[in-house]
Protein backbone atom coordinates (compact mmCIF):
# COMPACT_ATOMS: atom_id res chain seq x y z
CA MET A 1 59.24 -33.88 -82.22
CA ALA A 2 57.35 -34.23 -85.52
CA ALA A 3 56.91 -30.42 -85.62
CA ILE A 4 60.71 -30.09 -85.52
CA LEU A 5 61.60 -32.82 -87.98
CA THR A 6 58.92 -32.14 -90.61
CA SER A 7 60.19 -28.58 -91.13
CA LEU A 8 63.75 -28.02 -92.38
CA ARG A 9 63.77 -24.55 -90.78
CA ASN A 10 62.75 -25.98 -87.42
CA THR A 11 65.29 -28.80 -87.76
CA ILE A 12 68.14 -26.32 -88.37
CA ILE A 13 67.00 -24.12 -85.46
CA ALA A 14 66.90 -27.18 -83.20
CA GLY A 15 70.39 -28.14 -84.35
CA ILE A 16 71.71 -24.69 -83.46
CA VAL A 17 70.01 -24.76 -80.04
CA LEU A 18 71.43 -28.24 -79.38
CA THR A 19 74.90 -27.01 -80.36
CA ILE A 20 74.64 -24.06 -77.94
CA LEU A 21 73.47 -26.34 -75.11
CA MET A 22 76.31 -28.76 -75.82
CA ALA A 23 78.88 -25.92 -75.81
CA LEU A 24 77.53 -24.63 -72.50
CA TYR A 25 77.59 -28.11 -70.97
CA VAL A 26 81.17 -28.81 -72.07
CA THR A 27 82.28 -25.43 -70.72
CA LYS A 28 80.53 -26.01 -67.39
CA SER A 29 81.95 -29.54 -67.04
CA ASN A 30 85.47 -28.13 -67.45
CA GLY A 31 84.78 -25.55 -64.76
CA GLU A 32 85.93 -22.74 -67.04
CA ALA A 33 83.96 -19.80 -68.40
CA LEU A 34 83.53 -19.58 -72.15
CA VAL A 35 85.63 -16.61 -73.24
CA PHE A 36 84.67 -14.88 -76.47
CA ASP A 37 88.18 -13.89 -77.44
CA HIS A 38 90.21 -14.10 -80.66
CA ALA A 39 90.87 -17.82 -80.14
CA TYR A 40 87.13 -18.53 -79.80
CA PHE A 41 86.20 -16.50 -82.89
CA THR A 42 88.95 -18.23 -84.87
CA PHE A 43 87.51 -21.58 -83.79
CA PHE A 44 83.99 -20.37 -84.65
CA MET A 45 85.13 -19.34 -88.14
CA ARG A 46 86.74 -22.77 -88.60
CA TRP A 47 83.43 -24.38 -87.59
CA LEU A 48 81.55 -22.25 -90.15
CA HIS A 49 84.19 -23.17 -92.75
CA VAL A 50 83.72 -26.88 -92.08
CA LEU A 51 79.91 -26.56 -92.14
CA SER A 52 80.08 -24.76 -95.48
CA GLY A 53 82.54 -27.28 -96.87
CA VAL A 54 80.34 -30.20 -95.85
CA MET A 55 77.42 -28.59 -97.72
CA TRP A 56 79.55 -27.93 -100.81
CA ILE A 57 81.47 -31.18 -101.09
CA GLY A 58 78.47 -33.23 -99.95
CA LEU A 59 76.42 -31.86 -102.86
CA LEU A 60 79.37 -32.23 -105.26
CA TRP A 61 79.62 -35.89 -104.34
CA TYR A 62 75.81 -36.31 -104.50
CA LEU A 63 75.89 -34.99 -108.07
CA ASN A 64 78.79 -37.24 -109.10
CA PHE A 65 78.03 -40.40 -107.13
CA VAL A 66 74.22 -40.35 -107.37
CA GLN A 67 72.54 -37.96 -109.80
CA ILE A 68 74.79 -37.99 -112.87
CA PRO A 69 75.37 -41.78 -112.98
CA ASN A 70 71.66 -42.53 -112.51
CA MET A 71 70.17 -40.02 -114.97
CA PRO A 72 70.33 -42.54 -117.88
CA ASN A 73 68.25 -44.97 -115.78
CA ILE A 74 65.40 -42.48 -115.26
CA PRO A 75 62.56 -42.73 -117.79
CA ASP A 76 62.38 -39.71 -120.10
CA GLU A 77 58.93 -38.70 -118.84
CA GLN A 78 60.31 -38.45 -115.28
CA LYS A 79 63.47 -36.49 -116.10
CA PRO A 80 61.76 -33.07 -116.01
CA ALA A 81 61.21 -33.57 -112.25
CA ILE A 82 65.00 -33.74 -111.83
CA GLY A 83 65.80 -30.94 -114.27
CA LYS A 84 63.08 -28.53 -113.16
CA VAL A 85 62.88 -29.20 -109.41
CA ILE A 86 65.76 -31.20 -107.90
CA ALA A 87 68.75 -29.95 -109.92
CA PRO A 88 68.02 -26.19 -109.51
CA ALA A 89 67.69 -26.64 -105.73
CA VAL A 90 70.89 -28.68 -105.57
CA LEU A 91 72.75 -26.12 -107.66
CA PHE A 92 71.55 -23.23 -105.46
CA TRP A 93 72.95 -24.79 -102.27
CA PHE A 94 75.97 -26.14 -104.20
CA ARG A 95 77.17 -22.78 -105.47
CA TRP A 96 76.43 -20.86 -102.26
CA GLY A 97 78.10 -23.61 -100.22
CA ALA A 98 81.16 -23.08 -102.43
CA MET A 99 81.02 -19.31 -101.86
CA ALA A 100 80.64 -19.67 -98.09
CA THR A 101 83.52 -22.18 -97.97
CA LEU A 102 85.84 -19.85 -99.89
CA VAL A 103 84.95 -16.74 -97.87
CA THR A 104 85.15 -18.42 -94.45
CA GLY A 105 88.43 -20.11 -95.46
CA LEU A 106 90.02 -16.80 -96.44
CA LEU A 107 88.75 -15.14 -93.25
CA LEU A 108 90.08 -18.04 -91.18
CA ALA A 109 93.52 -17.80 -92.82
CA ALA A 110 93.58 -14.05 -92.20
CA MET A 111 92.50 -14.46 -88.55
CA ASN A 112 95.26 -17.04 -88.02
CA GLY A 113 97.84 -14.79 -89.65
CA TYR A 114 98.99 -17.20 -92.35
CA ILE A 115 97.02 -16.05 -95.39
CA MET A 116 100.03 -14.68 -97.34
CA ASP A 117 102.24 -17.65 -96.43
CA ALA A 118 99.49 -20.01 -97.56
CA ILE A 119 98.82 -18.15 -100.82
CA SER A 120 102.57 -18.30 -101.57
CA LEU A 121 102.51 -22.04 -100.72
CA GLY A 122 104.81 -21.55 -97.76
CA LEU A 123 107.70 -20.37 -99.90
CA GLY A 124 108.25 -17.15 -97.92
CA GLU A 125 110.52 -16.74 -94.91
CA ASN A 126 107.71 -17.74 -92.53
CA GLY A 127 106.79 -20.79 -94.57
CA SER A 128 106.33 -24.22 -93.07
CA PRO A 129 104.92 -27.61 -94.10
CA LYS A 130 101.62 -26.48 -92.52
CA THR A 131 101.36 -23.33 -94.63
CA THR A 132 102.43 -25.25 -97.75
CA ALA A 133 99.71 -27.87 -97.15
CA ILE A 134 97.00 -25.32 -96.31
CA GLY A 135 98.11 -23.23 -99.30
CA ILE A 136 97.76 -26.17 -101.68
CA GLY A 137 94.32 -26.83 -100.21
CA MET A 138 93.36 -23.17 -100.60
CA TRP A 139 94.48 -23.02 -104.23
CA LEU A 140 92.66 -26.25 -105.09
CA GLY A 141 89.55 -24.92 -103.32
CA ALA A 142 89.80 -21.63 -105.22
CA ILE A 143 90.05 -23.48 -108.56
CA MET A 144 87.03 -25.58 -107.59
CA TRP A 145 85.10 -22.43 -106.55
CA PHE A 146 85.94 -20.80 -109.91
CA ASN A 147 84.72 -23.91 -111.75
CA VAL A 148 81.43 -23.84 -109.81
CA TRP A 149 80.61 -20.19 -110.43
CA PHE A 150 82.08 -19.57 -113.87
CA VAL A 151 81.84 -22.92 -115.66
CA ILE A 152 79.44 -25.38 -114.02
CA TRP A 153 76.67 -22.93 -113.09
CA PRO A 154 76.46 -21.07 -116.46
CA ASN A 155 76.53 -24.36 -118.35
CA GLN A 156 73.93 -25.96 -116.08
CA GLN A 157 71.63 -22.98 -116.65
CA ARG A 158 71.72 -23.71 -120.39
CA ALA A 159 71.52 -27.49 -119.96
CA LEU A 160 68.48 -27.25 -117.66
CA GLY A 161 66.68 -24.69 -119.84
CA MET A 162 66.94 -21.93 -117.24
CA VAL A 163 68.27 -19.70 -120.03
CA GLU A 164 67.47 -19.94 -123.73
CA ALA A 165 69.62 -22.39 -125.69
CA ASP A 166 69.12 -24.68 -128.66
CA ALA A 167 69.29 -28.46 -128.35
CA ALA A 168 72.94 -28.66 -129.47
CA SER A 169 74.00 -25.99 -126.97
CA LYS A 170 72.10 -27.73 -124.18
CA ALA A 171 73.85 -31.03 -124.90
CA ALA A 172 77.29 -29.38 -125.12
CA SER A 173 76.65 -27.42 -121.92
CA ALA A 174 75.52 -30.53 -120.05
CA ARG A 175 78.75 -32.31 -121.05
CA THR A 176 80.93 -29.33 -120.09
CA ALA A 177 79.19 -29.04 -116.70
CA MET A 178 79.64 -32.76 -116.09
CA LEU A 179 83.34 -32.71 -117.00
CA PHE A 180 84.09 -29.75 -114.73
CA SER A 181 82.01 -31.30 -111.94
CA ARG A 182 84.14 -34.45 -112.32
CA THR A 183 87.26 -32.26 -112.28
CA ASN A 184 86.11 -30.80 -108.96
CA THR A 185 85.45 -34.30 -107.61
CA LEU A 186 89.00 -35.26 -108.58
CA LEU A 187 90.44 -32.12 -106.94
CA SER A 188 88.32 -32.55 -103.80
CA VAL A 189 90.34 -35.60 -102.72
CA PRO A 190 93.80 -33.93 -102.54
CA MET A 191 92.17 -30.67 -101.37
CA LEU A 192 90.63 -32.39 -98.35
CA TYR A 193 93.90 -34.22 -97.63
CA ALA A 194 95.81 -30.92 -97.72
CA MET A 195 93.34 -29.21 -95.40
CA VAL A 196 93.18 -32.02 -92.85
CA SER A 197 96.91 -32.74 -92.92
CA ALA A 198 97.68 -29.06 -92.30
CA GLN A 199 95.66 -29.24 -89.08
CA ASN A 200 96.86 -32.64 -87.88
CA LEU A 201 100.29 -33.56 -89.28
CA TYR A 202 102.32 -30.35 -89.17
C-alpha cells in the first residue's frame, strides 16, 4: 500500500483502476451489460468535466482561502519556497484545470445538443430554464477561464519573477492577480449554483 500512496502517479493509477472495478461491479449487480453508446460517452464527458472542475475550483479556493491570506504570516526568508516551488506548481494545475473544464464543458454541451441554446442563455425557441441556467454557468466559467489565462497567469509570472520585471511591476502584478483571483472566487459561487441547478432543478 505504501508503494501506491507514496507516489502520486501510482495513487492516480490506483484511483482509475478502483473506478473501473466499481463501474464493473455496479453494472454486474444490475444484471445489465455496460453499453458504450452515446449516453455513456456523454456521462463520461460529464465525469471528466466534474473532475477538471474540482481540480480548478479546488486550487482557486486553496489560493484564496489558504495561500493568499497566510502569505503575510510567513517569514520573509521562507517566502521564496512558496514563490519558487509551491506557487508555480499550483498555477500549472490551476490553469490547465481551467482549460480542461472549459473544453470538456463545451464538448458536453455539444454532445447533449444544447450548446447554442446555452450560449444564447435559453432565449431561442428551444430555450428552457435548464438551458438558461447552464448558459449562465457557461458564461461565468468562460469569464473565469479568460481571467486565469489572460490576467492571472501573466501577472503571476511577473509577480513570482518567472519573467523579468522591476519591483514596482512585481507589486502591481501581484495585486492585479489577487484581485482577479478574488473575482473568480466570487463568480465561482453563482457559477456552481447555475451548473448544479441546471442538472437538478429543471
